[in-house]
Amino acid sequence: MYAELQAFTDTLPPAVQWIAVIGLGVIPFVESYTGSVIGVLAGLSPLVAIPAAILGNVASMLVAVYMSHGIRSRVRGSRPERPLTPRREKLKQRFDRFGVAGVALLGPLALPSQITSAATVSFGASRNAVIFWQTVSIIVWGVALGGLAAVGVTFV
């Protein structure tokens, strides 16, 4: 199966390969960590697959952060805080416990970076801190899992 996937990937122009992996990185729950693995398994060099998946994931996270910050700024205004739903309350408790860095680095174990970044901004975290730590997290997870996939592919 891998040989067939890799043979198909080899027939595609390099630009299409990059675009496909960038597209995978944009998808929530696929993101940089799974996108880089899929790219490596498809036969792309880890030096292509990992940065492409990271680029797509960072781009979609930035959209989520800027949109949620803009929405929060417009909606919040001078209104008092509304009670949180049970689900958002659970997210807020984790945010309060681990901070922006902890939520960003541990978030991929439970939720996509687009959701965790939007949630942390909506809880009032600094937009720039969220962008920084989410970018660090996306890079760490993408390199770690893409690297493991590259090492695993060489042993198969």
N, C-alpha and C. Protein backbone atom coordinates (compact mmCIF):
# COMPACT_ATOMS: atom_id res chain seq x y z
N MET A 1 0.82 -1.19 0.00
CA MET A 1 0.00 0.00 0.00
C MET A 1 0.87 1.26 0.00
N TYR A 2 1.93 1.25 0.82
CA TYR A 2 2.80 2.43 0.88
C TYR A 2 3.49 2.65 -0.46
N ALA A 3 3.90 1.56 -1.08
CA ALA A 3 4.59 1.69 -2.37
C ALA A 3 3.68 2.31 -3.42
N GLU A 4 2.41 1.92 -3.42
CA GLU A 4 1.45 2.49 -4.38
C GLU A 4 1.21 3.97 -4.10
N LEU A 5 1.06 4.31 -2.83
CA LEU A 5 0.85 5.72 -2.46
C LEU A 5 2.07 6.55 -2.83
N GLN A 6 3.24 6.03 -2.56
CA GLN A 6 4.47 6.75 -2.89
C GLN A 6 4.66 6.87 -4.40
N ALA A 7 4.29 5.84 -5.14
CA ALA A 7 4.39 5.91 -6.61
C ALA A 7 3.45 6.96 -7.16
N PHE A 8 2.23 7.03 -6.61
CA PHE A 8 1.28 8.06 -7.04
C PHE A 8 1.81 9.44 -6.70
N THR A 9 2.34 9.61 -5.50
CA THR A 9 2.87 10.91 -5.07
C THR A 9 4.01 11.35 -5.98
N ASP A 10 4.85 10.42 -6.40
CA ASP A 10 5.98 10.75 -7.28
C ASP A 10 5.52 11.28 -8.63
N THR A 11 4.31 10.93 -9.07
CA THR A 11 3.81 11.41 -10.37
C THR A 11 3.32 12.85 -10.31
N LEU A 12 3.10 13.35 -9.10
CA LEU A 12 2.59 14.71 -8.93
C LEU A 12 3.73 15.73 -8.97
N PRO A 13 3.48 16.91 -9.51
CA PRO A 13 4.51 17.97 -9.46
C PRO A 13 4.79 18.36 -8.01
N PRO A 14 6.02 18.76 -7.70
CA PRO A 14 6.36 19.12 -6.32
C PRO A 14 5.45 20.20 -5.72
N ALA A 15 5.02 21.15 -6.52
CA ALA A 15 4.14 22.21 -6.00
C ALA A 15 2.81 21.62 -5.51
N VAL A 16 2.29 20.65 -6.22
CA VAL A 16 1.04 20.01 -5.82
C VAL A 16 1.25 19.21 -4.54
N GLN A 17 2.40 18.57 -4.41
CA GLN A 17 2.70 17.83 -3.19
C GLN A 17 2.72 18.77 -1.98
N TRP A 18 3.39 19.91 -2.13
CA TRP A 18 3.44 20.91 -1.06
C TRP A 18 2.04 21.39 -0.71
N ILE A 19 1.27 21.75 -1.73
CA ILE A 19 -0.08 22.29 -1.50
C ILE A 19 -0.96 21.26 -0.80
N ALA A 20 -0.84 20.00 -1.19
CA ALA A 20 -1.64 18.95 -0.55
C ALA A 20 -1.32 18.82 0.93
N VAL A 21 -0.04 18.85 1.28
CA VAL A 21 0.34 18.72 2.69
C VAL A 21 -0.01 19.98 3.46
N ILE A 22 0.13 21.15 2.84
CA ILE A 22 -0.31 22.39 3.50
C ILE A 22 -1.81 22.30 3.77
N GLY A 23 -2.57 21.80 2.81
CA GLY A 23 -4.01 21.62 2.99
C GLY A 23 -4.33 20.68 4.13
N LEU A 24 -3.54 19.62 4.28
CA LEU A 24 -3.75 18.70 5.41
C LEU A 24 -3.51 19.41 6.74
N GLY A 25 -2.52 20.27 6.79
CA GLY A 25 -2.21 20.99 8.02
C GLY A 25 -3.30 21.95 8.45
N VAL A 26 -4.11 22.39 7.50
CA VAL A 26 -5.19 23.33 7.80
C VAL A 26 -6.36 22.63 8.49
N ILE A 27 -6.55 21.36 8.24
CA ILE A 27 -7.72 20.62 8.72
C ILE A 27 -7.61 20.36 10.22
N PRO A 28 -8.62 20.79 11.01
CA PRO A 28 -8.60 20.47 12.44
C PRO A 28 -8.56 18.96 12.66
N PHE A 29 -7.87 18.54 13.69
CA PHE A 29 -7.63 17.15 14.08
C PHE A 29 -6.63 16.44 13.16
N VAL A 30 -6.27 17.02 12.02
CA VAL A 30 -5.20 16.48 11.19
C VAL A 30 -3.94 17.29 11.50
N GLU A 31 -3.99 18.57 11.28
CA GLU A 31 -2.97 19.54 11.68
C GLU A 31 -1.55 19.16 11.29
N SER A 32 -0.57 19.74 11.98
CA SER A 32 0.83 19.52 11.62
C SER A 32 1.29 18.12 11.96
N TYR A 33 0.82 17.59 13.06
CA TYR A 33 1.33 16.29 13.49
C TYR A 33 0.87 15.15 12.60
N THR A 34 -0.37 15.11 12.19
CA THR A 34 -0.83 14.05 11.30
C THR A 34 -0.50 14.38 9.85
N GLY A 35 -0.58 15.64 9.48
CA GLY A 35 -0.24 16.05 8.11
C GLY A 35 1.19 15.71 7.74
N SER A 36 2.12 15.93 8.69
CA SER A 36 3.51 15.60 8.41
C SER A 36 3.71 14.09 8.30
N VAL A 37 3.00 13.33 9.11
CA VAL A 37 3.09 11.87 9.03
C VAL A 37 2.56 11.38 7.69
N ILE A 38 1.40 11.89 7.29
CA ILE A 38 0.82 11.49 6.00
C ILE A 38 1.76 11.86 4.85
N GLY A 39 2.34 13.05 4.91
CA GLY A 39 3.28 13.47 3.87
C GLY A 39 4.49 12.56 3.79
N VAL A 40 5.05 12.19 4.94
CA VAL A 40 6.21 11.30 4.96
C VAL A 40 5.83 9.92 4.44
N LEU A 41 4.67 9.40 4.89
CA LEU A 41 4.23 8.09 4.43
C LEU A 41 3.91 8.08 2.94
N ALA A 42 3.51 9.24 2.42
CA ALA A 42 3.21 9.34 0.98
C ALA A 42 4.48 9.41 0.15
N GLY A 43 5.63 9.49 0.79
CA GLY A 43 6.88 9.47 0.06
C GLY A 43 7.57 10.81 -0.07
N LEU A 44 7.01 11.85 0.54
CA LEU A 44 7.68 13.14 0.51
C LEU A 44 8.85 13.14 1.49
N SER A 45 9.84 13.91 1.18
CA SER A 45 10.95 14.08 2.10
C SER A 45 10.42 14.73 3.38
N PRO A 46 10.92 14.31 4.54
CA PRO A 46 10.52 14.97 5.78
C PRO A 46 10.84 16.47 5.76
N LEU A 47 11.85 16.85 4.99
CA LEU A 47 12.21 18.27 4.88
C LEU A 47 11.18 19.06 4.08
N VAL A 48 10.30 18.37 3.39
CA VAL A 48 9.19 19.01 2.67
C VAL A 48 7.89 18.83 3.44
N ALA A 49 7.62 17.61 3.88
CA ALA A 49 6.34 17.29 4.51
C ALA A 49 6.14 18.03 5.83
N ILE A 50 7.15 18.06 6.66
CA ILE A 50 6.99 18.66 7.99
C ILE A 50 6.78 20.17 7.90
N PRO A 51 7.63 20.93 7.18
CA PRO A 51 7.36 22.37 7.09
C PRO A 51 6.04 22.71 6.41
N ALA A 52 5.65 21.92 5.42
CA ALA A 52 4.38 22.19 4.73
C ALA A 52 3.20 22.00 5.68
N ALA A 53 3.20 20.92 6.44
CA ALA A 53 2.12 20.69 7.39
C ALA A 53 2.10 21.76 8.48
N ILE A 54 3.27 22.16 8.93
CA ILE A 54 3.37 23.22 9.95
C ILE A 54 2.83 24.53 9.39
N LEU A 55 3.20 24.85 8.17
CA LEU A 55 2.73 26.09 7.54
C LEU A 55 1.20 26.14 7.46
N GLY A 56 0.59 25.06 7.02
CA GLY A 56 -0.87 25.01 6.94
C GLY A 56 -1.53 25.14 8.29
N ASN A 57 -0.96 24.46 9.30
CA ASN A 57 -1.53 24.51 10.64
C ASN A 57 -1.40 25.89 11.26
N VAL A 58 -0.23 26.52 11.10
CA VAL A 58 -0.03 27.87 11.64
C VAL A 58 -0.98 28.86 10.97
N ALA A 59 -1.16 28.73 9.67
CA ALA A 59 -2.06 29.65 8.94
C ALA A 59 -3.48 29.54 9.47
N SER A 60 -3.98 28.32 9.65
CA SER A 60 -5.36 28.16 10.13
C SER A 60 -5.49 28.60 11.58
N MET A 61 -4.45 28.39 12.40
CA MET A 61 -4.48 28.84 13.78
C MET A 61 -4.52 30.36 13.85
N LEU A 62 -3.74 31.04 12.97
CA LEU A 62 -3.75 32.50 12.94
C LEU A 62 -5.13 33.04 12.59
N VAL A 63 -5.78 32.41 11.64
CA VAL A 63 -7.15 32.82 11.27
C VAL A 63 -8.07 32.67 12.48
N ALA A 64 -7.96 31.54 13.18
CA ALA A 64 -8.81 31.31 14.35
C ALA A 64 -8.55 32.34 15.44
N VAL A 65 -7.29 32.67 15.70
CA VAL A 65 -6.94 33.63 16.75
C VAL A 65 -7.45 35.02 16.40
N TYR A 66 -7.17 35.48 15.18
CA TYR A 66 -7.59 36.83 14.81
C TYR A 66 -9.11 36.95 14.75
N MET A 67 -9.78 35.91 14.28
CA MET A 67 -11.26 35.96 14.23
C MET A 67 -11.84 35.97 15.64
N SER A 68 -11.35 35.09 16.51
CA SER A 68 -11.91 35.05 17.87
C SER A 68 -11.58 36.32 18.65
N HIS A 69 -10.40 36.88 18.43
CA HIS A 69 -10.06 38.14 19.10
C HIS A 69 -10.97 39.27 18.61
N GLY A 70 -11.20 39.33 17.31
CA GLY A 70 -12.09 40.36 16.78
C GLY A 70 -13.52 40.21 17.27
N ILE A 71 -14.00 38.98 17.28
CA ILE A 71 -15.37 38.73 17.76
C ILE A 71 -15.47 39.07 19.24
N ARG A 72 -14.48 38.66 20.03
CA ARG A 72 -14.51 38.94 21.47
C ARG A 72 -14.50 40.44 21.72
N SER A 73 -13.68 41.16 20.96
CA SER A 73 -13.60 42.61 21.14
C SER A 73 -14.93 43.29 20.82
N ARG A 74 -15.58 42.85 19.75
CA ARG A 74 -16.87 43.46 19.37
C ARG A 74 -18.00 43.08 20.31
N VAL A 75 -18.04 41.83 20.70
CA VAL A 75 -19.15 41.35 21.53
C VAL A 75 -18.99 41.81 22.97
N ARG A 76 -17.79 41.74 23.46
CA ARG A 76 -17.54 42.05 24.86
C ARG A 76 -17.95 43.47 25.19
N GLY A 77 -17.39 44.43 24.48
CA GLY A 77 -17.73 45.83 24.73
C GLY A 77 -17.77 46.12 26.22
N SER A 78 -18.88 46.65 26.67
CA SER A 78 -19.04 46.97 28.09
C SER A 78 -20.00 46.01 28.78
N ARG A 79 -20.35 44.94 28.09
CA ARG A 79 -21.28 43.96 28.68
C ARG A 79 -20.61 43.17 29.79
N PRO A 80 -21.40 42.76 30.77
CA PRO A 80 -20.83 41.88 31.80
C PRO A 80 -20.63 40.47 31.24
N GLU A 81 -19.77 39.71 31.89
CA GLU A 81 -19.50 38.33 31.45
C GLU A 81 -20.75 37.47 31.63
N ARG A 82 -21.02 36.64 30.63
CA ARG A 82 -22.12 35.67 30.73
C ARG A 82 -21.59 34.40 31.37
N PRO A 83 -22.48 33.64 32.01
CA PRO A 83 -22.02 32.36 32.59
C PRO A 83 -21.55 31.43 31.47
N LEU A 84 -20.52 30.65 31.77
CA LEU A 84 -19.96 29.74 30.79
C LEU A 84 -20.77 28.44 30.75
N THR A 85 -20.82 27.84 29.56
CA THR A 85 -21.43 26.52 29.44
C THR A 85 -20.52 25.53 30.15
N PRO A 86 -21.03 24.35 30.50
CA PRO A 86 -20.17 23.37 31.20
C PRO A 86 -18.91 23.01 30.40
N ARG A 87 -19.04 22.91 29.10
CA ARG A 87 -17.88 22.57 28.27
C ARG A 87 -16.83 23.69 28.29
N ARG A 88 -17.28 24.94 28.15
CA ARG A 88 -16.34 26.07 28.19
C ARG A 88 -15.78 26.27 29.60
N GLU A 89 -16.56 25.94 30.61
CA GLU A 89 -16.07 26.03 31.99
C GLU A 89 -14.91 25.06 32.20
N LYS A 90 -15.02 23.86 31.64
CA LYS A 90 -13.95 22.87 31.74
C LYS A 90 -12.68 23.37 31.03
N LEU A 91 -12.85 23.96 29.85
CA LEU A 91 -11.71 24.55 29.13
C LEU A 91 -11.09 25.67 29.94
N LYS A 92 -11.91 26.51 30.53
CA LYS A 92 -11.42 27.65 31.32
C LYS A 92 -10.64 27.17 32.53
N GLN A 93 -11.11 26.11 33.19
CA GLN A 93 -10.39 25.57 34.34
C GLN A 93 -9.00 25.07 33.93
N ARG A 94 -8.92 24.40 32.79
CA ARG A 94 -7.62 23.93 32.30
C ARG A 94 -6.72 25.11 31.93
N PHE A 95 -7.33 26.12 31.32
CA PHE A 95 -6.56 27.32 30.97
C PHE A 95 -6.00 27.97 32.24
N ASP A 96 -6.85 28.12 33.26
CA ASP A 96 -6.39 28.74 34.51
C ASP A 96 -5.30 27.90 35.18
N ARG A 97 -5.39 26.59 35.06
CA ARG A 97 -4.42 25.71 35.70
C ARG A 97 -3.07 25.69 34.98
N PHE A 98 -3.08 25.59 33.65
CA PHE A 98 -1.85 25.40 32.89
C PHE A 98 -1.33 26.66 32.21
N GLY A 99 -2.14 27.69 32.06
CA GLY A 99 -1.72 28.90 31.39
C GLY A 99 -1.67 28.72 29.88
N VAL A 100 -1.30 29.76 29.18
CA VAL A 100 -1.29 29.75 27.72
C VAL A 100 -0.31 28.70 27.19
N ALA A 101 0.89 28.66 27.76
CA ALA A 101 1.90 27.71 27.28
C ALA A 101 1.45 26.27 27.48
N GLY A 102 0.93 25.97 28.64
CA GLY A 102 0.48 24.60 28.92
C GLY A 102 -0.67 24.18 28.03
N VAL A 103 -1.64 25.07 27.85
CA VAL A 103 -2.77 24.75 26.99
C VAL A 103 -2.30 24.54 25.56
N ALA A 104 -1.39 25.37 25.10
CA ALA A 104 -0.90 25.25 23.72
C ALA A 104 -0.12 23.95 23.53
N LEU A 105 0.76 23.62 24.46
CA LEU A 105 1.61 22.45 24.30
C LEU A 105 0.88 21.13 24.57
N LEU A 106 -0.08 21.15 25.49
CA LEU A 106 -0.81 19.92 25.82
C LEU A 106 -2.14 19.81 25.08
N GLY A 107 -2.61 20.92 24.52
CA GLY A 107 -3.90 20.94 23.85
C GLY A 107 -4.08 19.92 22.75
N PRO A 108 -3.06 19.67 21.91
CA PRO A 108 -3.24 18.71 20.82
C PRO A 108 -3.58 17.29 21.29
N LEU A 109 -3.39 17.00 22.55
CA LEU A 109 -3.79 15.69 23.06
C LEU A 109 -5.30 15.56 23.14
N ALA A 110 -6.01 16.69 23.15
CA ALA A 110 -7.46 16.65 23.30
C ALA A 110 -8.22 17.37 22.19
N LEU A 111 -7.72 18.52 21.77
CA LEU A 111 -8.45 19.35 20.81
C LEU A 111 -7.50 19.92 19.77
N PRO A 112 -8.03 20.31 18.61
CA PRO A 112 -7.19 20.94 17.60
C PRO A 112 -6.71 22.33 18.05
N SER A 113 -5.59 22.75 17.49
CA SER A 113 -5.01 24.04 17.86
C SER A 113 -5.94 25.20 17.53
N GLN A 114 -6.75 25.05 16.48
CA GLN A 114 -7.67 26.13 16.13
C GLN A 114 -8.69 26.35 17.26
N ILE A 115 -9.16 25.28 17.87
CA ILE A 115 -10.15 25.40 18.95
C ILE A 115 -9.48 25.90 20.22
N THR A 116 -8.33 25.33 20.58
CA THR A 116 -7.69 25.77 21.82
C THR A 116 -7.21 27.21 21.73
N SER A 117 -6.73 27.62 20.56
CA SER A 117 -6.27 29.01 20.43
C SER A 117 -7.45 29.97 20.50
N ALA A 118 -8.54 29.64 19.83
CA ALA A 118 -9.72 30.51 19.88
C ALA A 118 -10.27 30.57 21.31
N ALA A 119 -10.29 29.43 22.00
CA ALA A 119 -10.81 29.41 23.37
C ALA A 119 -9.94 30.23 24.31
N THR A 120 -8.62 30.10 24.21
CA THR A 120 -7.76 30.85 25.12
C THR A 120 -7.86 32.36 24.88
N VAL A 121 -8.01 32.76 23.63
CA VAL A 121 -8.19 34.18 23.34
C VAL A 121 -9.55 34.64 23.88
N SER A 122 -10.56 33.81 23.74
CA SER A 122 -11.88 34.20 24.22
C SER A 122 -11.92 34.29 25.74
N PHE A 123 -11.02 33.60 26.43
CA PHE A 123 -10.94 33.69 27.89
C PHE A 123 -10.15 34.91 28.34
N GLY A 124 -9.62 35.66 27.38
CA GLY A 124 -8.93 36.89 27.71
C GLY A 124 -7.42 36.82 27.66
N ALA A 125 -6.86 35.73 27.16
CA ALA A 125 -5.41 35.62 27.06
C ALA A 125 -4.90 36.59 25.99
N SER A 126 -3.66 36.98 26.13
CA SER A 126 -3.03 37.87 25.16
C SER A 126 -2.96 37.19 23.79
N ARG A 127 -3.42 37.90 22.79
CA ARG A 127 -3.42 37.36 21.43
C ARG A 127 -2.00 36.98 21.01
N ASN A 128 -1.02 37.83 21.30
CA ASN A 128 0.36 37.55 20.91
C ASN A 128 0.95 36.36 21.65
N ALA A 129 0.61 36.21 22.93
CA ALA A 129 1.08 35.04 23.69
C ALA A 129 0.49 33.75 23.12
N VAL A 130 -0.78 33.79 22.78
CA VAL A 130 -1.44 32.62 22.20
C VAL A 130 -0.78 32.27 20.87
N ILE A 131 -0.54 33.25 20.02
CA ILE A 131 0.08 33.00 18.72
C ILE A 131 1.48 32.40 18.92
N PHE A 132 2.25 32.98 19.82
CA PHE A 132 3.61 32.48 20.06
C PHE A 132 3.60 31.03 20.52
N TRP A 133 2.84 30.74 21.60
CA TRP A 133 2.86 29.40 22.17
C TRP A 133 2.18 28.37 21.26
N GLN A 134 1.16 28.77 20.55
CA GLN A 134 0.55 27.82 19.61
C GLN A 134 1.51 27.50 18.47
N THR A 135 2.26 28.49 18.01
CA THR A 135 3.24 28.24 16.95
C THR A 135 4.33 27.29 17.45
N VAL A 136 4.81 27.52 18.66
CA VAL A 136 5.80 26.62 19.25
C VAL A 136 5.24 25.20 19.32
N SER A 137 4.02 25.08 19.81
CA SER A 137 3.37 23.77 19.93
C SER A 137 3.22 23.08 18.58
N ILE A 138 2.76 23.81 17.59
CA ILE A 138 2.57 23.25 16.24
C ILE A 138 3.90 22.75 15.69
N ILE A 139 4.96 23.52 15.88
CA ILE A 139 6.28 23.11 15.39
C ILE A 139 6.76 21.86 16.13
N VAL A 140 6.65 21.87 17.45
CA VAL A 140 7.12 20.74 18.26
C VAL A 140 6.37 19.46 17.87
N TRP A 141 5.05 19.52 17.83
CA TRP A 141 4.25 18.33 17.50
C TRP A 141 4.51 17.88 16.06
N GLY A 142 4.60 18.80 15.13
CA GLY A 142 4.83 18.45 13.72
C GLY A 142 6.19 17.80 13.51
N VAL A 143 7.23 18.39 14.11
CA VAL A 143 8.58 17.83 13.97
C VAL A 143 8.67 16.48 14.67
N ALA A 144 8.10 16.38 15.87
CA ALA A 144 8.19 15.12 16.63
C ALA A 144 7.52 13.97 15.89
N LEU A 145 6.28 14.16 15.48
CA LEU A 145 5.58 13.06 14.83
C LEU A 145 6.04 12.83 13.40
N GLY A 146 6.36 13.90 12.68
CA GLY A 146 6.92 13.74 11.34
C GLY A 146 8.27 13.05 11.39
N GLY A 147 9.09 13.39 12.38
CA GLY A 147 10.38 12.73 12.55
C GLY A 147 10.22 11.27 12.89
N LEU A 148 9.27 10.95 13.79
CA LEU A 148 9.01 9.55 14.10
C LEU A 148 8.54 8.78 12.88
N ALA A 149 7.70 9.42 12.07
CA ALA A 149 7.23 8.77 10.85
C ALA A 149 8.40 8.53 9.89
N ALA A 150 9.28 9.49 9.77
CA ALA A 150 10.44 9.34 8.88
C ALA A 150 11.33 8.20 9.35
N VAL A 151 11.56 8.10 10.65
CA VAL A 151 12.37 7.02 11.18
C VAL A 151 11.64 5.69 11.01
N GLY A 152 10.34 5.68 11.24
CA GLY A 152 9.56 4.46 11.07
C GLY A 152 9.50 3.98 9.64
N VAL A 153 9.43 4.91 8.70
CA VAL A 153 9.38 4.54 7.28
C VAL A 153 10.69 3.91 6.85
N THR A 154 11.80 4.36 7.40
CA THR A 154 13.09 3.78 7.03
C THR A 154 13.23 2.35 7.54
N PHE A 155 12.50 2.02 8.60
CA PHE A 155 12.57 0.66 9.15
C PHE A 155 11.58 -0.29 8.50
N VAL A 156 10.62 0.23 7.75
CA VAL A 156 9.60 -0.63 7.13
C VAL A 156 10.12 -1.27 5.87
